Amino acid sequence: AGHHTSQTTKPSSPYDILKKHTPELLGALPDPDKLANDLSSVDLLSDHVKDDVLTTLVISRYQKCSILLNEIQKSLNVFNERERLISFCEVLKQQNDWTLSRISDDMMRQLGTNDTS
């Protein structure tokens, strides 16, 4: 398939989907420490990154969230990126936050168009 621009939007990669929602997520994530624990419990975050986030008191909530999202983005460049983004969406839903649930639904919907892989 060449790079012809037609009306049909090509399904976004999990990485692109997350990248597009990252600014919104950064604004919405209420508790990066809880998120770090939840992500690590489903193997989306390595222990050393989790420990960095949890033990560093000096960095802001925003910076912690940036680190976490950056790690997730990095992990989406490897195998199983689709499953990984789905797991991430499920973790977002567990945060019991309306905004995060909505962002999670958006990402899942965008992934849903990508059933060719």
PDB file of N, CA and C in Angstrom:
ATOM      1  N   ALA A   1       0.836  -1.197   0.000  1.00  0.00           N
ATOM      2  CA  ALA A   1       0.000   0.000   0.000  1.00  0.00           C
ATOM      3  C   ALA A   1       0.866   1.239   0.000  1.00  0.00           C
ATOM      4  N   GLY A   2       0.612   2.123  -0.962  1.00  0.00           N
ATOM      5  CA  GLY A   2       1.401   3.348  -1.047  1.00  0.00           C
ATOM      6  C   GLY A   2       0.831   4.400  -0.128  1.00  0.00           C
ATOM      7  N   HIS A   3       1.456   5.567  -0.139  1.00  0.00           N
ATOM      8  CA  HIS A   3       1.000   6.646   0.736  1.00  0.00           C
ATOM      9  C   HIS A   3       0.034   7.558  -0.008  1.00  0.00           C
ATOM     10  N   HIS A   4      -1.071   6.990  -0.482  1.00  0.00           N
ATOM     11  CA  HIS A   4      -2.057   7.843  -1.139  1.00  0.00           C
ATOM     12  C   HIS A   4      -3.055   8.290  -0.083  1.00  0.00           C
ATOM     13  N   THR A   5      -3.393   9.554  -0.133  1.00  0.00           N
ATOM     14  CA  THR A   5      -4.323  10.061   0.866  1.00  0.00           C
ATOM     15  C   THR A   5      -5.741   9.907   0.344  1.00  0.00           C
ATOM     16  N   SER A   6      -6.472   9.031   0.974  1.00  0.00           N
ATOM     17  CA  SER A   6      -7.875   8.847   0.626  1.00  0.00           C
ATOM     18  C   SER A   6      -8.708   9.251   1.826  1.00  0.00           C
ATOM     19  N   GLN A   7     -10.018   9.129   1.712  1.00  0.00           N
ATOM     20  CA  GLN A   7     -10.899   9.541   2.787  1.00  0.00           C
ATOM     21  C   GLN A   7     -10.799   8.593   3.984  1.00  0.00           C
ATOM     22  N   THR A   8     -10.519   7.331   3.729  1.00  0.00           N
ATOM     23  CA  THR A   8     -10.450   6.390   4.834  1.00  0.00           C
ATOM     24  C   THR A   8      -9.202   6.675   5.662  1.00  0.00           C
ATOM     25  N   THR A   9      -9.389   6.911   6.937  1.00  0.00           N
ATOM     26  CA  THR A   9      -8.242   7.155   7.795  1.00  0.00           C
ATOM     27  C   THR A   9      -7.621   5.823   8.139  1.00  0.00           C
ATOM     28  N   LYS A  10      -6.346   5.743   7.973  1.00  0.00           N
ATOM     29  CA  LYS A  10      -5.674   4.491   8.296  1.00  0.00           C
ATOM     30  C   LYS A  10      -5.659   4.347   9.807  1.00  0.00           C
ATOM     31  N   PRO A  11      -5.882   3.128  10.295  1.00  0.00           N
ATOM     32  CA  PRO A  11      -5.924   2.909  11.741  1.00  0.00           C
ATOM     33  C   PRO A  11      -4.630   3.396  12.390  1.00  0.00           C
ATOM     34  N   SER A  12      -4.776   4.096  13.490  1.00  0.00           N
ATOM     35  CA  SER A  12      -3.593   4.580  14.192  1.00  0.00           C
ATOM     36  C   SER A  12      -2.909   3.427  14.899  1.00  0.00           C
ATOM     37  N   SER A  13      -1.616   3.526  15.012  1.00  0.00           N
ATOM     38  CA  SER A  13      -0.904   2.537  15.807  1.00  0.00           C
ATOM     39  C   SER A  13      -1.175   2.819  17.287  1.00  0.00           C
ATOM     40  N   PRO A  14      -1.055   1.792  18.128  1.00  0.00           N
ATOM     41  CA  PRO A  14      -1.236   2.016  19.564  1.00  0.00           C
ATOM     42  C   PRO A  14      -0.358   3.161  20.068  1.00  0.00           C
ATOM     43  N   TYR A  15       0.870   3.227  19.545  1.00  0.00           N
ATOM     44  CA  TYR A  15       1.785   4.292  19.958  1.00  0.00           C
ATOM     45  C   TYR A  15       1.202   5.665  19.610  1.00  0.00           C
ATOM     46  N   ASP A  16       0.718   5.816  18.377  1.00  0.00           N
ATOM     47  CA  ASP A  16       0.149   7.101  17.945  1.00  0.00           C
ATOM     48  C   ASP A  16      -1.075   7.463  18.777  1.00  0.00           C
ATOM     49  N   ILE A  17      -1.889   6.461  19.057  1.00  0.00           N
ATOM     50  CA  ILE A  17      -3.107   6.702  19.841  1.00  0.00           C
ATOM     51  C   ILE A  17      -2.726   7.244  21.218  1.00  0.00           C
ATOM     52  N   LEU A  18      -1.757   6.605  21.855  1.00  0.00           N
ATOM     53  CA  LEU A  18      -1.365   7.061  23.183  1.00  0.00           C
ATOM     54  C   LEU A  18      -0.738   8.449  23.113  1.00  0.00           C
ATOM     55  N   LYS A  19       0.115   8.658  22.103  1.00  0.00           N
ATOM     56  CA  LYS A  19       0.807   9.934  21.996  1.00  0.00           C
ATOM     57  C   LYS A  19      -0.212  11.068  21.850  1.00  0.00           C
ATOM     58  N   LYS A  20      -1.251  10.799  21.061  1.00  0.00           N
ATOM     59  CA  LYS A  20      -2.259  11.817  20.826  1.00  0.00           C
ATOM     60  C   LYS A  20      -3.004  12.164  22.116  1.00  0.00           C
ATOM     61  N   HIS A  21      -3.183  11.196  22.986  1.00  0.00           N
ATOM     62  CA  HIS A  21      -3.953  11.423  24.213  1.00  0.00           C
ATOM     63  C   HIS A  21      -3.077  11.816  25.402  1.00  0.00           C
ATOM     64  N   THR A  22      -1.763  11.797  25.190  1.00  0.00           N
ATOM     65  CA  THR A  22      -0.868  12.063  26.311  1.00  0.00           C
ATOM     66  C   THR A  22      -1.083  13.436  26.963  1.00  0.00           C
ATOM     67  N   PRO A  23      -1.226  14.523  26.173  1.00  0.00           N
ATOM     68  CA  PRO A  23      -1.437  15.819  26.840  1.00  0.00           C
ATOM     69  C   PRO A  23      -2.678  15.816  27.728  1.00  0.00           C
ATOM     70  N   GLU A  24      -3.742  15.193  27.237  1.00  0.00           N
ATOM     71  CA  GLU A  24      -4.978  15.125  27.996  1.00  0.00           C
ATOM     72  C   GLU A  24      -4.777  14.279  29.260  1.00  0.00           C
ATOM     73  N   LEU A  25      -4.074  13.174  29.103  1.00  0.00           N
ATOM     74  CA  LEU A  25      -3.814  12.308  30.257  1.00  0.00           C
ATOM     75  C   LEU A  25      -2.976  13.032  31.306  1.00  0.00           C
ATOM     76  N   LEU A  26      -1.991  13.789  30.841  1.00  0.00           N
ATOM     77  CA  LEU A  26      -1.132  14.511  31.778  1.00  0.00           C
ATOM     78  C   LEU A  26      -1.951  15.473  32.621  1.00  0.00           C
ATOM     79  N   GLY A  27      -2.949  16.072  32.005  1.00  0.00           N
ATOM     80  CA  GLY A  27      -3.784  17.001  32.744  1.00  0.00           C
ATOM     81  C   GLY A  27      -4.752  16.304  33.678  1.00  0.00           C
ATOM     82  N   ALA A  28      -5.061  15.045  33.379  1.00  0.00           N
ATOM     83  CA  ALA A  28      -6.169  14.380  34.070  1.00  0.00           C
ATOM     84  C   ALA A  28      -5.737  13.414  35.165  1.00  0.00           C
ATOM     85  N   LEU A  29      -4.524  12.900  35.090  1.00  0.00           N
ATOM     86  CA  LEU A  29      -4.130  11.838  36.027  1.00  0.00           C
ATOM     87  C   LEU A  29      -4.061  12.363  37.450  1.00  0.00           C
ATOM     88  N   PRO A  30      -4.928  11.863  38.331  1.00  0.00           N
ATOM     89  CA  PRO A  30      -4.970  12.425  39.679  1.00  0.00           C
ATOM     90  C   PRO A  30      -3.866  11.889  40.589  1.00  0.00           C
ATOM     91  N   ASP A  31      -3.486  10.645  40.399  1.00  0.00           N
ATOM     92  CA  ASP A  31      -2.626  10.011  41.395  1.00  0.00           C
ATOM     93  C   ASP A  31      -1.564   9.144  40.724  1.00  0.00           C
ATOM     94  N   PRO A  32      -0.437   9.763  40.366  1.00  0.00           N
ATOM     95  CA  PRO A  32       0.594   8.999  39.661  1.00  0.00           C
ATOM     96  C   PRO A  32       1.165   7.854  40.495  1.00  0.00           C
ATOM     97  N   ASP A  33       1.164   8.006  41.827  1.00  0.00           N
ATOM     98  CA  ASP A  33       1.722   6.923  42.645  1.00  0.00           C
ATOM     99  C   ASP A  33       0.862   5.667  42.555  1.00  0.00           C
ATOM    100  N   LYS A  34      -0.459   5.860  42.650  1.00  0.00           N
ATOM    101  CA  LYS A  34      -1.370   4.722  42.506  1.00  0.00           C
ATOM    102  C   LYS A  34      -1.233   4.136  41.104  1.00  0.00           C
ATOM    103  N   LEU A  35      -1.159   5.020  40.113  1.00  0.00           N
ATOM    104  CA  LEU A  35      -1.041   4.546  38.735  1.00  0.00           C
ATOM    105  C   LEU A  35       0.240   3.727  38.551  1.00  0.00           C
ATOM    106  N   ALA A  36       1.319   4.201  39.134  1.00  0.00           N
ATOM    107  CA  ALA A  36       2.591   3.476  39.012  1.00  0.00           C
ATOM    108  C   ALA A  36       2.462   2.069  39.585  1.00  0.00           C
ATOM    109  N   ASN A  37       1.828   1.957  40.751  1.00  0.00           N
ATOM    110  CA  ASN A  37       1.630   0.636  41.348  1.00  0.00           C
ATOM    111  C   ASN A  37       0.745  -0.241  40.480  1.00  0.00           C
ATOM    112  N   ASP A  38      -0.338   0.346  39.966  1.00  0.00           N
ATOM    113  CA  ASP A  38      -1.268  -0.427  39.142  1.00  0.00           C
ATOM    114  C   ASP A  38      -0.595  -0.884  37.849  1.00  0.00           C
ATOM    115  N   LEU A  39       0.191   0.003  37.246  1.00  0.00           N
ATOM    116  CA  LEU A  39       0.857  -0.348  35.993  1.00  0.00           C
ATOM    117  C   LEU A  39       1.882  -1.439  36.223  1.00  0.00           C
ATOM    118  N   SER A  40       2.574  -1.348  37.340  1.00  0.00           N
ATOM    119  CA  SER A  40       3.595  -2.341  37.598  1.00  0.00           C
ATOM    120  C   SER A  40       2.959  -3.695  37.910  1.00  0.00           C
ATOM    121  N   SER A  41       1.757  -3.674  38.488  1.00  0.00           N
ATOM    122  CA  SER A  41       1.118  -4.952  38.813  1.00  0.00           C
ATOM    123  C   SER A  41       0.642  -5.685  37.563  1.00  0.00           C
ATOM    124  N   VAL A  42       0.451  -4.975  36.456  1.00  0.00           N
ATOM    125  CA  VAL A  42       0.104  -5.666  35.209  1.00  0.00           C
ATOM    126  C   VAL A  42       1.293  -5.693  34.246  1.00  0.00           C
ATOM    127  N   ASP A  43       2.494  -5.510  34.807  1.00  0.00           N
ATOM    128  CA  ASP A  43       3.734  -5.608  34.027  1.00  0.00           C
ATOM    129  C   ASP A  43       3.853  -4.574  32.919  1.00  0.00           C
ATOM    130  N   LEU A  44       3.242  -3.418  33.113  1.00  0.00           N
ATOM    131  CA  LEU A  44       3.408  -2.371  32.115  1.00  0.00           C
ATOM    132  C   LEU A  44       4.515  -1.400  32.514  1.00  0.00           C
ATOM    133  N   LEU A  45       5.024  -1.586  33.716  1.00  0.00           N
ATOM    134  CA  LEU A  45       6.032  -0.656  34.214  1.00  0.00           C
ATOM    135  C   LEU A  45       7.086  -1.462  34.942  1.00  0.00           C
ATOM    136  N   SER A  46       8.342  -1.187  34.639  1.00  0.00           N
ATOM    137  CA  SER A  46       9.399  -1.922  35.324  1.00  0.00           C
ATOM    138  C   SER A  46       9.509  -1.435  36.766  1.00  0.00           C
ATOM    139  N   ASP A  47       9.974  -2.327  37.624  1.00  0.00           N
ATOM    140  CA  ASP A  47      10.062  -1.991  39.044  1.00  0.00           C
ATOM    141  C   ASP A  47      10.960  -0.788  39.291  1.00  0.00           C
ATOM    142  N   HIS A  48      12.045  -0.691  38.520  1.00  0.00           N
ATOM    143  CA  HIS A  48      12.974   0.396  38.844  1.00  0.00           C
ATOM    144  C   HIS A  48      12.369   1.751  38.486  1.00  0.00           C
ATOM    145  N   VAL A  49      11.564   1.788  37.426  1.00  0.00           N
ATOM    146  CA  VAL A  49      10.892   3.046  37.100  1.00  0.00           C
ATOM    147  C   VAL A  49       9.823   3.352  38.145  1.00  0.00           C
ATOM    148  N   LYS A  50       9.087   2.314  38.526  1.00  0.00           N
ATOM    149  CA  LYS A  50       8.069   2.501  39.565  1.00  0.00           C
ATOM    150  C   LYS A  50       8.716   3.054  40.834  1.00  0.00           C
ATOM    151  N   ASP A  51       9.829   2.454  41.237  1.00  0.00           N
ATOM    152  CA  ASP A  51      10.494   2.908  42.459  1.00  0.00           C
ATOM    153  C   ASP A  51      10.972   4.348  42.322  1.00  0.00           C
ATOM    154  N   ASP A  52      11.489   4.684  41.127  1.00  0.00           N
ATOM    155  CA  ASP A  52      11.903   6.071  40.887  1.00  0.00           C
ATOM    156  C   ASP A  52      10.746   7.024  41.126  1.00  0.00           C
ATOM    157  N   VAL A  53       9.594   6.676  40.566  1.00  0.00           N
ATOM    158  CA  VAL A  53       8.436   7.557  40.681  1.00  0.00           C
ATOM    159  C   VAL A  53       7.953   7.629  42.127  1.00  0.00           C
ATOM    160  N   LEU A  54       7.880   6.481  42.786  1.00  0.00           N
ATOM    161  CA  LEU A  54       7.308   6.445  44.130  1.00  0.00           C
ATOM    162  C   LEU A  54       8.226   7.061  45.181  1.00  0.00           C
ATOM    163  N   THR A  55       9.525   6.937  44.978  1.00  0.00           N
ATOM    164  CA  THR A  55      10.435   7.383  46.030  1.00  0.00           C
ATOM    165  C   THR A  55      10.896   8.818  45.820  1.00  0.00           C
ATOM    166  N   THR A  56      10.577   9.393  44.680  1.00  0.00           N
ATOM    167  CA  THR A  56      11.022  10.759  44.441  1.00  0.00           C
ATOM    168  C   THR A  56       9.937  11.716  44.873  1.00  0.00           C
ATOM    169  N   LEU A  57      10.184  12.421  45.940  1.00  0.00           N
ATOM    170  CA  LEU A  57       9.175  13.326  46.454  1.00  0.00           C
ATOM    171  C   LEU A  57       9.278  14.702  45.805  1.00  0.00           C
ATOM    172  N   VAL A  58      10.444  14.987  45.256  1.00  0.00           N
ATOM    173  CA  VAL A  58      10.655  16.352  44.776  1.00  0.00           C
ATOM    174  C   VAL A  58       9.983  16.629  43.441  1.00  0.00           C
ATOM    175  N   ILE A  59       9.769  15.598  42.629  1.00  0.00           N
ATOM    176  CA  ILE A  59       9.188  15.924  41.331  1.00  0.00           C
ATOM    177  C   ILE A  59       7.681  16.096  41.439  1.00  0.00           C
ATOM    178  N   SER A  60       7.162  16.920  40.585  1.00  0.00           N
ATOM    179  CA  SER A  60       5.738  17.252  40.633  1.00  0.00           C
ATOM    180  C   SER A  60       4.896  16.096  40.109  1.00  0.00           C
ATOM    181  N   ARG A  61       3.603  16.177  40.414  1.00  0.00           N
ATOM    182  CA  ARG A  61       2.652  15.207  39.882  1.00  0.00           C
ATOM    183  C   ARG A  61       2.785  15.138  38.365  1.00  0.00           C
ATOM    184  N   TYR A  62       2.893  16.311  37.741  1.00  0.00           N
ATOM    185  CA  TYR A  62       2.966  16.379  36.282  1.00  0.00           C
ATOM    186  C   TYR A  62       4.195  15.640  35.760  1.00  0.00           C
ATOM    187  N   GLN A  63       5.324  15.852  36.427  1.00  0.00           N
ATOM    188  CA  GLN A  63       6.541  15.175  35.976  1.00  0.00           C
ATOM    189  C   GLN A  63       6.452  13.664  36.175  1.00  0.00           C
ATOM    190  N   LYS A  64       5.856  13.261  37.303  1.00  0.00           N
ATOM    191  CA  LYS A  64       5.679  11.825  37.537  1.00  0.00           C
ATOM    192  C   LYS A  64       4.826  11.216  36.426  1.00  0.00           C
ATOM    193  N   CYS A  65       3.736  11.906  36.099  1.00  0.00           N
ATOM    194  CA  CYS A  65       2.855  11.414  35.042  1.00  0.00           C
ATOM    195  C   CYS A  65       3.595  11.349  33.712  1.00  0.00           C
ATOM    196  N   SER A  66       4.429  12.347  33.451  1.00  0.00           N
ATOM    197  CA  SER A  66       5.210  12.354  32.211  1.00  0.00           C
ATOM    198  C   SER A  66       6.115  11.128  32.134  1.00  0.00           C
ATOM    199  N   ILE A  67       6.766  10.826  33.254  1.00  0.00           N
ATOM    200  CA  ILE A  67       7.654   9.661  33.286  1.00  0.00           C
ATOM    201  C   ILE A  67       6.861   8.391  33.000  1.00  0.00           C
ATOM    202  N   LEU A  68       5.711   8.250  33.659  1.00  0.00           N
ATOM    203  CA  LEU A  68       4.899   7.044  33.485  1.00  0.00           C
ATOM    204  C   LEU A  68       4.433   6.908  32.035  1.00  0.00           C
ATOM    205  N   LEU A  69       3.909   7.999  31.478  1.00  0.00           N
ATOM    206  CA  LEU A  69       3.377   7.926  30.113  1.00  0.00           C
ATOM    207  C   LEU A  69       4.499   7.681  29.120  1.00  0.00           C
ATOM    208  N   ASN A  70       5.643   8.261  29.401  1.00  0.00           N
ATOM    209  CA  ASN A  70       6.792   8.054  28.542  1.00  0.00           C
ATOM    210  C   ASN A  70       7.199   6.581  28.528  1.00  0.00           C
ATOM    211  N   GLU A  71       7.174   5.957  29.691  1.00  0.00           N
ATOM    212  CA  GLU A  71       7.490   4.524  29.779  1.00  0.00           C
ATOM    213  C   GLU A  71       6.481   3.687  28.998  1.00  0.00           C
ATOM    214  N   ILE A  72       5.207   4.027  29.135  1.00  0.00           N
ATOM    215  CA  ILE A  72       4.187   3.277  28.402  1.00  0.00           C
ATOM    216  C   ILE A  72       4.415   3.449  26.901  1.00  0.00           C
ATOM    217  N   GLN A  73       4.681   4.676  26.488  1.00  0.00           N
ATOM    218  CA  GLN A  73       4.942   4.911  25.067  1.00  0.00           C
ATOM    219  C   GLN A  73       6.111   4.059  24.595  1.00  0.00           C
ATOM    220  N   LYS A  74       7.181   4.030  25.390  1.00  0.00           N
ATOM    221  CA  LYS A  74       8.346   3.240  24.997  1.00  0.00           C
ATOM    222  C   LYS A  74       7.970   1.775  24.863  1.00  0.00           C
ATOM    223  N   SER A  75       7.128   1.295  25.791  1.00  0.00           N
ATOM    224  CA  SER A  75       6.782  -0.122  25.769  1.00  0.00           C
ATOM    225  C   SER A  75       5.880  -0.442  24.576  1.00  0.00           C
ATOM    226  N   LEU A  76       5.255   0.575  23.991  1.00  0.00           N
ATOM    227  CA  LEU A  76       4.387   0.334  22.834  1.00  0.00           C
ATOM    228  C   LEU A  76       5.193   0.202  21.552  1.00  0.00           C
ATOM    229  N   ASN A  77       6.493   0.430  21.636  1.00  0.00           N
ATOM    230  CA  ASN A  77       7.301   0.258  20.440  1.00  0.00           C
ATOM    231  C   ASN A  77       7.851  -1.151  20.315  1.00  0.00           C
ATOM    232  N   VAL A  78       7.402  -2.022  21.202  1.00  0.00           N
ATOM    233  CA  VAL A  78       7.877  -3.404  21.136  1.00  0.00           C
ATOM    234  C   VAL A  78       6.723  -4.326  20.760  1.00  0.00           C
ATOM    235  N   PHE A  79       6.878  -5.605  21.005  1.00  0.00           N
ATOM    236  CA  PHE A  79       5.847  -6.576  20.655  1.00  0.00           C
ATOM    237  C   PHE A  79       4.603  -6.382  21.502  1.00  0.00           C
ATOM    238  N   ASN A  80       3.489  -6.918  21.042  1.00  0.00           N
ATOM    239  CA  ASN A  80       2.228  -6.882  21.805  1.00  0.00           C
ATOM    240  C   ASN A  80       1.767  -5.483  22.160  1.00  0.00           C
ATOM    241  N   GLU A  81       2.117  -4.499  21.304  1.00  0.00           N
ATOM    242  CA  GLU A  81       1.778  -3.133  21.713  1.00  0.00           C
ATOM    243  C   GLU A  81       0.270  -2.930  21.821  1.00  0.00           C
ATOM    244  N   ARG A  82      -0.474  -3.682  21.022  1.00  0.00           N
ATOM    245  CA  ARG A  82      -1.931  -3.553  21.091  1.00  0.00           C
ATOM    246  C   ARG A  82      -2.460  -4.016  22.446  1.00  0.00           C
ATOM    247  N   GLU A  83      -2.000  -5.202  22.878  1.00  0.00           N
ATOM    248  CA  GLU A  83      -2.414  -5.725  24.176  1.00  0.00           C
ATOM    249  C   GLU A  83      -1.966  -4.792  25.293  1.00  0.00           C
ATOM    250  N   ARG A  84      -0.787  -4.226  25.124  1.00  0.00           N
ATOM    251  CA  ARG A  84      -0.270  -3.333  26.158  1.00  0.00           C
ATOM    252  C   ARG A  84      -1.129  -2.084  26.292  1.00  0.00           C
ATOM    253  N   LEU A  85      -1.562  -1.534  25.177  1.00  0.00           N
ATOM    254  CA  LEU A  85      -2.391  -0.338  25.270  1.00  0.00           C
ATOM    255  C   LEU A  85      -3.755  -0.680  25.868  1.00  0.00           C
ATOM    256  N   ILE A  86      -4.263  -1.858  25.511  1.00  0.00           N
ATOM    257  CA  ILE A  86      -5.538  -2.287  26.098  1.00  0.00           C
ATOM    258  C   ILE A  86      -5.385  -2.439  27.617  1.00  0.00           C
ATOM    259  N   SER A  87      -4.295  -3.036  28.056  1.00  0.00           N
ATOM    260  CA  SER A  87      -4.039  -3.156  29.502  1.00  0.00           C
ATOM    261  C   SER A  87      -3.960  -1.782  30.153  1.00  0.00           C
ATOM    262  N   PHE A  88      -3.291  -0.865  29.469  1.00  0.00           N
ATOM    263  CA  PHE A  88      -3.165   0.488  30.005  1.00  0.00           C
ATOM    264  C   PHE A  88      -4.549   1.133  30.152  1.00  0.00           C
ATOM    265  N   CYS A  89      -5.386   0.948  29.128  1.00  0.00           N
ATOM    266  CA  CYS A  89      -6.747   1.496  29.198  1.00  0.00           C
ATOM    267  C   CYS A  89      -7.503   0.898  30.373  1.00  0.00           C
ATOM    268  N   GLU A  90      -7.317  -0.393  30.595  1.00  0.00           N
ATOM    269  CA  GLU A  90      -8.012  -1.043  31.709  1.00  0.00           C
ATOM    270  C   GLU A  90      -7.527  -0.487  33.051  1.00  0.00           C
ATOM    271  N   VAL A  91      -6.230  -0.231  33.146  1.00  0.00           N
ATOM    272  CA  VAL A  91      -5.697   0.370  34.364  1.00  0.00           C
ATOM    273  C   VAL A  91      -6.288   1.768  34.558  1.00  0.00           C
ATOM    274  N   LEU A  92      -6.404   2.517  33.470  1.00  0.00           N
ATOM    275  CA  LEU A  92      -6.996   3.861  33.580  1.00  0.00           C
ATOM    276  C   LEU A  92      -8.417   3.782  34.118  1.00  0.00           C
ATOM    277  N   LYS A  93      -9.164   2.801  33.640  1.00  0.00           N
ATOM    278  CA  LYS A  93     -10.540   2.666  34.114  1.00  0.00           C
ATOM    279  C   LYS A  93     -10.594   2.374  35.605  1.00  0.00           C
ATOM    280  N   GLN A  94      -9.599   1.637  36.104  1.00  0.00           N
ATOM    281  CA  GLN A  94      -9.575   1.290  37.529  1.00  0.00           C
ATOM    282  C   GLN A  94      -9.279   2.492  38.421  1.00  0.00           C
ATOM    283  N   GLN A  95      -8.892   3.610  37.821  1.00  0.00           N
ATOM    284  CA  GLN A  95      -8.581   4.781  38.649  1.00  0.00           C
ATOM    285  C   GLN A  95      -9.852   5.464  39.161  1.00  0.00           C
ATOM    286  N   ASN A  96     -11.010   4.970  38.707  1.00  0.00           N
ATOM    287  CA  ASN A  96     -12.293   5.540  39.152  1.00  0.00           C
ATOM    288  C   ASN A  96     -12.362   7.045  38.939  1.00  0.00           C
ATOM    289  N   ASP A  97     -11.976   7.449  37.756  1.00  0.00           N
ATOM    290  CA  ASP A  97     -11.990   8.864  37.438  1.00  0.00           C
ATOM    291  C   ASP A  97     -12.724   9.025  36.114  1.00  0.00           C
ATOM    292  N   TRP A  98     -13.729   9.892  36.123  1.00  0.00           N
ATOM    293  CA  TRP A  98     -14.579  10.006  34.942  1.00  0.00           C
ATOM    294  C   TRP A  98     -13.772  10.388  33.699  1.00  0.00           C
ATOM    295  N   THR A  99     -12.899  11.365  33.847  1.00  0.00           N
ATOM    296  CA  THR A  99     -12.112  11.826  32.698  1.00  0.00           C
ATOM    297  C   THR A  99     -11.218  10.709  32.166  1.00  0.00           C
ATOM    298  N   LEU A 100     -10.573   9.995  33.076  1.00  0.00           N
ATOM    299  CA  LEU A 100      -9.687   8.913  32.637  1.00  0.00           C
ATOM    300  C   LEU A 100     -10.476   7.819  31.932  1.00  0.00           C
ATOM    301  N   SER A 101     -11.677   7.535  32.431  1.00  0.00           N
ATOM    302  CA  SER A 101     -12.510   6.527  31.772  1.00  0.00           C
ATOM    303  C   SER A 101     -12.852   6.956  30.353  1.00  0.00           C
ATOM    304  N   ARG A 102     -13.161   8.240  30.211  1.00  0.00           N
ATOM    305  CA  ARG A 102     -13.523   8.731  28.884  1.00  0.00           C
ATOM    306  C   ARG A 102     -12.324   8.647  27.940  1.00  0.00           C
ATOM    307  N   ILE A 103     -11.146   9.038  28.415  1.00  0.00           N
ATOM    308  CA  ILE A 103      -9.948   8.961  27.576  1.00  0.00           C
ATOM    309  C   ILE A 103      -9.671   7.503  27.222  1.00  0.00           C
ATOM    310  N   SER A 104      -9.824   6.643  28.207  1.00  0.00           N
ATOM    311  CA  SER A 104      -9.622   5.216  27.984  1.00  0.00           C
ATOM    312  C   SER A 104     -10.580   4.698  26.906  1.00  0.00           C
ATOM    313  N   ASP A 105     -11.850   5.095  26.996  1.00  0.00           N
ATOM    314  CA  ASP A 105     -12.829   4.684  25.982  1.00  0.00           C
ATOM    315  C   ASP A 105     -12.440   5.194  24.595  1.00  0.00           C
ATOM    316  N   ASP A 106     -11.987   6.436  24.538  1.00  0.00           N
ATOM    317  CA  ASP A 106     -11.545   7.000  23.259  1.00  0.00           C
ATOM    318  C   ASP A 106     -10.428   6.155  22.658  1.00  0.00           C
ATOM    319  N   MET A 107      -9.453   5.817  23.475  1.00  0.00           N
ATOM    320  CA  MET A 107      -8.308   5.069  22.966  1.00  0.00           C
ATOM    321  C   MET A 107      -8.743   3.678  22.523  1.00  0.00           C
ATOM    322  N   MET A 108      -9.620   3.049  23.309  1.00  0.00           N
ATOM    323  CA  MET A 108     -10.099   1.720  22.947  1.00  0.00           C
ATOM    324  C   MET A 108     -10.862   1.764  21.628  1.00  0.00           C
ATOM    325  N   ARG A 109     -11.650   2.825  21.459  1.00  0.00           N
ATOM    326  CA  ARG A 109     -12.417   2.943  20.221  1.00  0.00           C
ATOM    327  C   ARG A 109     -11.469   3.071  19.026  1.00  0.00           C
ATOM    328  N   GLN A 110     -10.422   3.863  19.209  1.00  0.00           N
ATOM    329  CA  GLN A 110      -9.461   4.031  18.111  1.00  0.00           C
ATOM    330  C   GLN A 110      -8.707   2.745  17.826  1.00  0.00           C
ATOM    331  N   LEU A 111      -8.453   1.986  18.865  1.00  0.00           N
ATOM    332  CA  LEU A 111      -7.806   0.690  18.663  1.00  0.00           C
ATOM    333  C   LEU A 111      -8.736  -0.268  17.927  1.00  0.00           C
ATOM    334  N   GLY A 112     -10.031  -0.120  18.192  1.00  0.00           N
ATOM    335  CA  GLY A 112     -11.003  -1.061  17.643  1.00  0.00           C
ATOM    336  C   GLY A 112     -11.051  -1.060  16.132  1.00  0.00           C
ATOM    337  N   THR A 113     -10.660   0.068  15.520  1.00  0.00           N
ATOM    338  CA  THR A 113     -10.674   0.120  14.056  1.00  0.00           C
ATOM    339  C   THR A 113      -9.496  -0.631  13.478  1.00  0.00           C
ATOM    340  N   ASN A 114      -8.670  -1.174  14.350  1.00  0.00           N
ATOM    341  CA  ASN A 114      -7.379  -1.687  13.909  1.00  0.00           C
ATOM    342  C   ASN A 114      -7.341  -3.199  13.977  1.00  0.00           C
ATOM    343  N   ASP A 115      -8.417  -3.836  13.553  1.00  0.00           N
ATOM    344  CA  ASP A 115      -8.487  -5.286  13.741  1.00  0.00           C
ATOM    345  C   ASP A 115      -7.787  -6.070  12.658  1.00  0.00           C
ATOM    346  N   THR A 116      -7.023  -5.358  11.816  1.00  0.00           N
ATOM    347  CA  THR A 116      -6.319  -6.044  10.747  1.00  0.00           C
ATOM    348  C   THR A 116      -5.066  -6.736  11.264  1.00  0.00           C
ATOM    349  N   SER A 117      -4.488  -6.208  12.342  1.00  0.00           N
ATOM    350  CA  SER A 117      -3.216  -6.754  12.787  1.00  0.00           C
ATOM    351  C   SER A 117      -3.393  -8.106  13.445  1.00  0.00           C
TER     352      SER A 117
END
